[in-house]
Protein backbone atom coordinates (compact mmCIF):
# COMPACT_ATOMS: atom_id res chain seq x y z
CA UNK A 1 36.96 12.40 0.52
CA UNK A 2 34.29 11.38 3.03
CA UNK A 3 34.72 8.30 5.15
CA UNK A 4 32.30 5.63 3.75
CA UNK A 5 31.11 4.77 7.27
CA UNK A 6 30.23 8.40 8.01
CA UNK A 7 28.54 8.77 4.62
CA UNK A 8 26.50 5.61 5.27
CA UNK A 9 25.45 6.83 8.71
CA UNK A 10 24.51 10.25 7.31
CA UNK A 11 22.43 8.59 4.59
CA UNK A 12 20.65 6.39 7.14
CA UNK A 13 19.85 9.44 9.29
CA UNK A 14 18.46 11.33 6.28
CA UNK A 15 16.30 8.37 5.23
CA UNK A 16 15.00 8.05 8.80
CA UNK A 17 14.09 11.74 8.96
CA UNK A 18 12.37 11.67 5.57
CA UNK A 19 10.51 8.51 6.53
CA UNK A 20 9.27 10.08 9.77
CA UNK A 21 8.15 13.23 8.01
CA UNK A 22 6.03 11.36 5.48
CA UNK A 23 4.52 8.96 8.00
CA UNK A 24 1.26 10.11 9.51
CA UNK A 25 0.28 6.76 11.02
CA UNK A 26 1.20 6.77 14.73
CA UNK A 27 2.60 3.24 14.52
CA UNK A 28 6.31 2.55 14.28
CA UNK A 29 8.43 1.14 11.48
CA UNK A 30 8.94 -2.57 11.72
CA UNK A 31 5.52 -3.09 13.27
CA UNK A 32 4.30 -6.67 12.91
CA UNK A 33 0.63 -7.28 12.24
CA UNK A 34 -0.66 -10.83 12.56
CA UNK A 35 -3.53 -12.50 10.73
CA UNK A 36 -3.98 -9.96 7.94
CA UNK A 37 -6.48 -11.16 5.35
CA UNK A 38 -5.06 -11.03 1.83
CA UNK A 39 -6.56 -11.71 -1.56
CA UNK A 40 -5.16 -11.23 -5.04
CA UNK A 41 -6.22 -9.25 -8.09
CA UNK A 42 -5.05 -8.69 -11.62
CA UNK A 43 -5.49 -5.90 -14.15
CA UNK A 44 -7.44 -8.20 -16.51
CA UNK A 45 -10.36 -8.68 -14.08
CA UNK A 46 -13.60 -7.12 -15.29
CA UNK A 47 -13.68 -4.46 -12.56
CA UNK A 48 -10.11 -3.37 -13.35
CA UNK A 49 -10.21 -3.46 -17.18
CA UNK A 50 -11.00 0.24 -17.53
CA UNK A 51 -7.84 1.10 -15.55
CA UNK A 52 -5.60 -1.39 -17.35
CA UNK A 53 -2.25 -2.00 -15.66
CA UNK A 54 -2.44 1.32 -13.78
CA UNK A 55 -2.70 1.75 -10.02
CA UNK A 56 -4.79 4.45 -8.34
CA UNK A 57 -1.61 6.53 -8.09
CA UNK A 58 -1.38 6.60 -11.88
CA UNK A 59 1.78 4.46 -11.86
CA UNK A 60 2.05 1.09 -13.57
CA UNK A 61 1.21 -1.83 -11.31
CA UNK A 62 4.43 -3.49 -10.07
CA UNK A 63 5.33 -7.17 -9.94
CA UNK A 64 9.00 -7.55 -9.24
CA UNK A 65 11.08 -7.25 -6.11
CA UNK A 66 8.58 -4.55 -5.08
CA UNK A 67 4.96 -5.40 -5.84
CA UNK A 68 1.74 -3.42 -5.87
CA UNK A 69 -0.95 -3.83 -3.25
CA UNK A 70 -4.46 -2.39 -2.98
CA UNK A 71 -6.06 -1.58 0.38
CA UNK A 72 -8.47 0.70 2.13
CA UNK A 73 -6.28 3.83 2.29
CA UNK A 74 -7.91 4.86 5.58
CA UNK A 75 -6.24 1.77 7.12
CA UNK A 76 -3.01 1.43 5.12
CA UNK A 77 -2.31 4.80 3.44
CA UNK A 78 -0.72 5.16 0.02
CA UNK A 79 3.02 4.56 0.14
CA UNK A 80 2.88 2.00 2.96
CA UNK A 81 5.56 -0.63 2.35
CA UNK A 82 5.31 -4.04 3.97
CA UNK A 83 6.68 -7.55 3.73
CA UNK A 84 4.75 -10.77 4.15
CA UNK A 85 6.42 -13.13 6.62
CA UNK A 86 8.32 -15.82 4.73
CA UNK A 87 8.40 -13.94 1.40
CA UNK A 88 11.40 -12.10 -0.06
CA UNK A 89 9.28 -9.40 -1.76
CA UNK A 90 8.20 -5.98 -0.59
CA UNK A 91 4.70 -4.70 -1.29
CA UNK A 92 3.83 -1.05 -1.74
CA UNK A 93 0.31 0.29 -1.32
CA UNK A 94 -0.39 2.17 -4.56
CA UNK A 95 -3.94 1.05 -5.36
CA UNK A 96 -7.36 0.78 -3.74
CA UNK A 97 -10.59 -0.99 -4.55
CA UNK A 98 -14.26 -0.53 -3.72
CA UNK A 99 -14.55 -4.04 -2.26
CA UNK A 100 -11.70 -3.35 0.19
CA UNK A 101 -13.18 -0.38 2.03
CA UNK A 102 -13.93 -1.26 5.64
CA UNK A 103 -12.56 -4.82 5.37
CA UNK A 104 -8.93 -4.52 6.54
CA UNK A 105 -8.09 -6.77 3.58
CA UNK A 106 -4.99 -6.28 1.45
CA UNK A 107 -5.32 -7.20 -2.23
CA UNK A 108 -2.00 -8.27 -3.76
CA UNK A 109 -1.36 -7.57 -7.44
CA UNK A 110 -0.65 -10.54 -9.69
CA UNK A 111 0.17 -10.23 -13.41
CA UNK A 112 -2.44 -12.77 -14.60
CA UNK A 113 -5.52 -14.71 -13.49
CA UNK A 114 -3.61 -17.96 -12.99
CA UNK A 115 -1.25 -16.33 -10.46
CA UNK A 116 -4.21 -14.54 -8.88
CA UNK A 117 -6.11 -17.81 -8.40
CA UNK A 118 -3.00 -19.55 -7.06
CA UNK A 119 -2.84 -17.02 -4.24
CA UNK A 120 -6.54 -17.25 -3.40
CA UNK A 121 -7.25 -15.81 0.04
CA UNK A 122 -4.80 -16.20 2.91
CA UNK A 123 -4.31 -14.82 6.37
CA UNK A 124 -0.68 -13.75 6.71
CA UNK A 125 1.61 -11.93 9.09
CA UNK A 126 3.12 -8.73 7.77
CA UNK A 127 5.90 -6.41 8.86
CA UNK A 128 5.38 -2.75 8.02
CA UNK A 129 8.68 -1.42 6.70
CA UNK A 130 7.37 2.13 6.22
CA UNK A 131 3.99 3.67 6.86
CA UNK A 132 2.58 5.73 4.01
CA UNK A 133 0.92 9.11 4.17
CA UNK A 134 -2.73 9.94 4.84
CA UNK A 135 -2.01 13.42 3.46
CA UNK A 136 -0.90 11.96 0.11
CA UNK A 137 -3.86 9.57 0.18
CA UNK A 138 -6.25 12.49 0.57
CA UNK A 139 -4.52 14.49 -2.18
CA UNK A 140 -5.09 11.62 -4.62
CA UNK A 141 -8.63 10.81 -3.50
CA UNK A 142 -10.25 14.23 -2.97
CA UNK A 143 -10.69 14.99 -6.70
CA UNK A 144 -12.37 11.55 -7.10
CA UNK A 145 -14.60 11.43 -4.03
CA UNK A 146 -17.76 12.91 -5.58
CA UNK A 147 -17.74 10.28 -8.36
CA UNK A 148 -16.96 7.24 -6.20
CA UNK A 149 -18.79 6.37 -2.94
CA UNK A 150 -15.95 4.07 -1.80
CA UNK A 151 -13.44 6.91 -2.19
CA UNK A 152 -15.77 9.22 -0.29
CA UNK A 153 -15.96 6.64 2.53
CA UNK A 154 -12.15 6.43 2.79
CA UNK A 155 -11.80 10.23 2.80
CA UNK A 156 -14.39 10.54 5.60
CA UNK A 157 -12.69 7.84 7.68
CA UNK A 158 -9.30 9.59 7.37
CA UNK A 159 -10.79 12.99 8.22
CA UNK A 160 -12.58 11.56 11.29
CA UNK A 161 -9.43 9.97 12.65
CA UNK A 162 -7.28 13.10 12.13
């Protein structure tokens, strides 16, 4: 039987290695970013109706302990996990939106228009728990870039910075 302390340490090491392998952003875990502009969106807005409650990743939008967020994936790549200062929730970047490209704004998913309007627009401080992957972002976006100018813009920005 393995010592629980050793098992815990081994697990932590494995998670750290996996996290580093999937992170292509040169910034470190736990990075704090001040004054990030945030807005809110919901799946019942007119520009999201055709996608329903699905994120750009194809997964269902989340609103629990971990919540969905939409961003410009050339700034915050898919899979980025962050926490807003003073909130107990984690947010995971799994969506993007045409209005977000080039704005450095994070759009936070809310399950209905009332909750969306309650959030409004706020500047917040965030702590990045884990940076996502530009490689995964590109894999999702490349098949869509010819149909969507905003996707094409994100792809070009990632390719230029690589």
